[in-house]
Amino acid sequence: MAKKARTGHHGHHAHEDSERAMAKNTAAEARAKAAVRDAQSLSAKTRGMQQKAQAKRG
C-alpha cells in the first residue's frame, strides 16, 4: 500500500521534473550550440598554435 502511494507521488513528481527538464533542456541546447561555436573557433586557434609550435620544433 505504501509502495503504491509512493509510486503515485513519484508519477506526479516525474511530470514536474520532466517539465523542468524540458525547460533546462532548451537552455542547455542553446548553451551547447554556443559552446560548439566557441569550441570550433577555439579549436581553430589551438590548431594554428599547434602548427606554429610544431614548426618551431621542426
N, C-alpha and C. Protein backbone atom coordinates (compact mmCIF):
# COMPACT_ATOMS: atom_id res chain seq x y z
N MET A 1 0.84 -1.20 0.00
CA MET A 1 0.00 0.00 0.00
C MET A 1 0.88 1.26 0.00
N ALA A 2 1.86 1.26 0.89
CA ALA A 2 2.75 2.42 0.96
C ALA A 2 3.53 2.55 -0.35
N LYS A 3 3.88 1.40 -0.90
CA LYS A 3 4.63 1.39 -2.15
C LYS A 3 3.80 2.06 -3.25
N LYS A 4 2.52 1.67 -3.32
CA LYS A 4 1.63 2.20 -4.34
C LYS A 4 1.51 3.72 -4.21
N ALA A 5 1.36 4.20 -2.97
CA ALA A 5 1.24 5.63 -2.73
C ALA A 5 2.51 6.33 -3.19
N ARG A 6 3.64 5.71 -2.93
CA ARG A 6 4.91 6.33 -3.29
C ARG A 6 5.01 6.45 -4.82
N THR A 7 4.65 5.37 -5.53
CA THR A 7 4.75 5.42 -6.99
C THR A 7 3.80 6.47 -7.54
N GLY A 8 2.62 6.59 -6.92
CA GLY A 8 1.67 7.61 -7.38
C GLY A 8 2.27 8.99 -7.21
N HIS A 9 2.89 9.22 -6.07
CA HIS A 9 3.51 10.52 -5.81
C HIS A 9 4.67 10.73 -6.78
N HIS A 10 5.42 9.65 -7.01
CA HIS A 10 6.57 9.74 -7.90
C HIS A 10 6.11 10.12 -9.32
N GLY A 11 4.99 9.52 -9.72
CA GLY A 11 4.46 9.82 -11.05
C GLY A 11 4.18 11.29 -11.20
N HIS A 12 3.59 11.89 -10.21
CA HIS A 12 3.29 13.32 -10.24
C HIS A 12 4.58 14.12 -10.24
N HIS A 13 5.51 13.67 -9.42
CA HIS A 13 6.80 14.36 -9.30
C HIS A 13 7.57 14.28 -10.63
N ALA A 14 7.48 13.12 -11.25
CA ALA A 14 8.20 12.92 -12.51
C ALA A 14 7.68 13.90 -13.57
N HIS A 15 6.37 14.15 -13.54
CA HIS A 15 5.80 15.10 -14.51
C HIS A 15 6.39 16.49 -14.29
N GLU A 16 6.47 16.88 -13.04
CA GLU A 16 7.07 18.20 -12.73
C GLU A 16 8.52 18.22 -13.20
N ASP A 17 9.23 17.14 -12.91
CA ASP A 17 10.62 17.06 -13.29
C ASP A 17 10.79 17.13 -14.80
N SER A 18 9.91 16.45 -15.53
CA SER A 18 10.05 16.44 -16.97
C SER A 18 9.83 17.84 -17.54
N GLU A 19 8.89 18.57 -16.95
CA GLU A 19 8.68 19.95 -17.40
C GLU A 19 9.90 20.79 -17.12
N ARG A 20 10.43 20.62 -15.91
CA ARG A 20 11.63 21.37 -15.53
C ARG A 20 12.79 20.97 -16.42
N ALA A 21 12.90 19.67 -16.69
CA ALA A 21 13.98 19.16 -17.53
C ALA A 21 13.86 19.71 -18.94
N MET A 22 12.61 19.81 -19.43
CA MET A 22 12.40 20.35 -20.77
C MET A 22 12.89 21.79 -20.84
N ALA A 23 12.54 22.57 -19.84
CA ALA A 23 12.98 23.97 -19.80
C ALA A 23 14.49 24.02 -19.72
N LYS A 24 15.06 23.14 -18.89
CA LYS A 24 16.51 23.08 -18.76
C LYS A 24 17.14 22.66 -20.08
N ASN A 25 16.45 21.71 -20.74
CA ASN A 25 16.98 21.15 -21.98
C ASN A 25 17.13 22.22 -23.05
N THR A 26 16.11 23.06 -23.22
CA THR A 26 16.19 24.10 -24.24
C THR A 26 17.31 25.07 -23.91
N ALA A 27 17.43 25.42 -22.64
CA ALA A 27 18.51 26.32 -22.22
C ALA A 27 19.86 25.65 -22.45
N ALA A 28 19.92 24.37 -22.11
CA ALA A 28 21.16 23.62 -22.29
C ALA A 28 21.51 23.50 -23.77
N GLU A 29 20.47 23.30 -24.59
CA GLU A 29 20.69 23.20 -26.02
C GLU A 29 21.27 24.50 -26.56
N ALA A 30 20.69 25.61 -26.15
CA ALA A 30 21.18 26.92 -26.60
C ALA A 30 22.63 27.11 -26.16
N ARG A 31 22.91 26.71 -24.89
CA ARG A 31 24.27 26.82 -24.38
C ARG A 31 25.21 25.91 -25.17
N ALA A 32 24.73 24.70 -25.48
CA ALA A 32 25.56 23.73 -26.20
C ALA A 32 25.90 24.27 -27.59
N LYS A 33 24.89 24.84 -28.25
CA LYS A 33 25.12 25.40 -29.59
C LYS A 33 26.16 26.51 -29.53
N ALA A 34 26.03 27.37 -28.52
CA ALA A 34 27.00 28.46 -28.36
C ALA A 34 28.37 27.87 -28.06
N ALA A 35 28.40 26.83 -27.23
CA ALA A 35 29.67 26.20 -26.86
C ALA A 35 30.31 25.57 -28.08
N VAL A 36 29.50 24.97 -28.96
CA VAL A 36 30.03 24.36 -30.17
C VAL A 36 30.68 25.42 -31.05
N ARG A 37 29.98 26.56 -31.19
CA ARG A 37 30.56 27.65 -31.99
C ARG A 37 31.88 28.10 -31.38
N ASP A 38 31.89 28.28 -30.04
CA ASP A 38 33.12 28.69 -29.37
C ASP A 38 34.21 27.64 -29.56
N ALA A 39 33.83 26.38 -29.40
CA ALA A 39 34.80 25.29 -29.49
C ALA A 39 35.40 25.25 -30.89
N GLN A 40 34.57 25.49 -31.91
CA GLN A 40 35.08 25.43 -33.29
C GLN A 40 36.11 26.54 -33.51
N SER A 41 35.79 27.76 -33.07
CA SER A 41 36.74 28.86 -33.25
C SER A 41 37.97 28.63 -32.38
N LEU A 42 37.73 28.08 -31.16
CA LEU A 42 38.83 27.81 -30.24
C LEU A 42 39.73 26.73 -30.81
N SER A 43 39.13 25.66 -31.36
CA SER A 43 39.94 24.57 -31.91
C SER A 43 40.73 25.07 -33.11
N ALA A 44 40.17 26.00 -33.86
CA ALA A 44 40.89 26.57 -35.00
C ALA A 44 42.10 27.34 -34.49
N LYS A 45 41.92 28.07 -33.40
CA LYS A 45 43.03 28.81 -32.80
C LYS A 45 44.10 27.86 -32.30
N THR A 46 43.66 26.83 -31.54
CA THR A 46 44.64 25.91 -30.97
C THR A 46 45.35 25.15 -32.08
N ARG A 47 44.62 24.84 -33.16
CA ARG A 47 45.26 24.12 -34.27
C ARG A 47 46.36 25.00 -34.85
N GLY A 48 46.07 26.26 -35.02
CA GLY A 48 47.07 27.19 -35.55
C GLY A 48 48.26 27.28 -34.61
N MET A 49 47.98 27.33 -33.31
CA MET A 49 49.05 27.42 -32.33
C MET A 49 49.90 26.15 -32.34
N GLN A 50 49.23 25.00 -32.49
CA GLN A 50 49.97 23.73 -32.52
C GLN A 50 50.86 23.67 -33.75
N GLN A 51 50.33 24.16 -34.87
CA GLN A 51 51.13 24.14 -36.09
C GLN A 51 52.35 25.04 -35.94
N LYS A 52 52.16 26.20 -35.32
CA LYS A 52 53.29 27.11 -35.08
C LYS A 52 54.32 26.44 -34.19
N ALA A 53 53.82 25.79 -33.13
CA ALA A 53 54.73 25.13 -32.17
C ALA A 53 55.50 24.01 -32.88
N GLN A 54 54.79 23.27 -33.74
CA GLN A 54 55.46 22.18 -34.46
C GLN A 54 56.51 22.75 -35.41
N ALA A 55 56.19 23.86 -36.04
CA ALA A 55 57.14 24.48 -36.97
C ALA A 55 58.39 24.90 -36.22
N LYS A 56 58.21 25.45 -35.04
CA LYS A 56 59.37 25.87 -34.22
C LYS A 56 60.19 24.65 -33.85
N ARG A 57 59.50 23.56 -33.44
CA ARG A 57 60.19 22.35 -33.05
C ARG A 57 60.94 21.76 -34.25
N GLY A 58 60.29 21.78 -35.41
CA GLY A 58 60.89 21.22 -36.61
C GLY A 58 62.14 21.98 -36.99
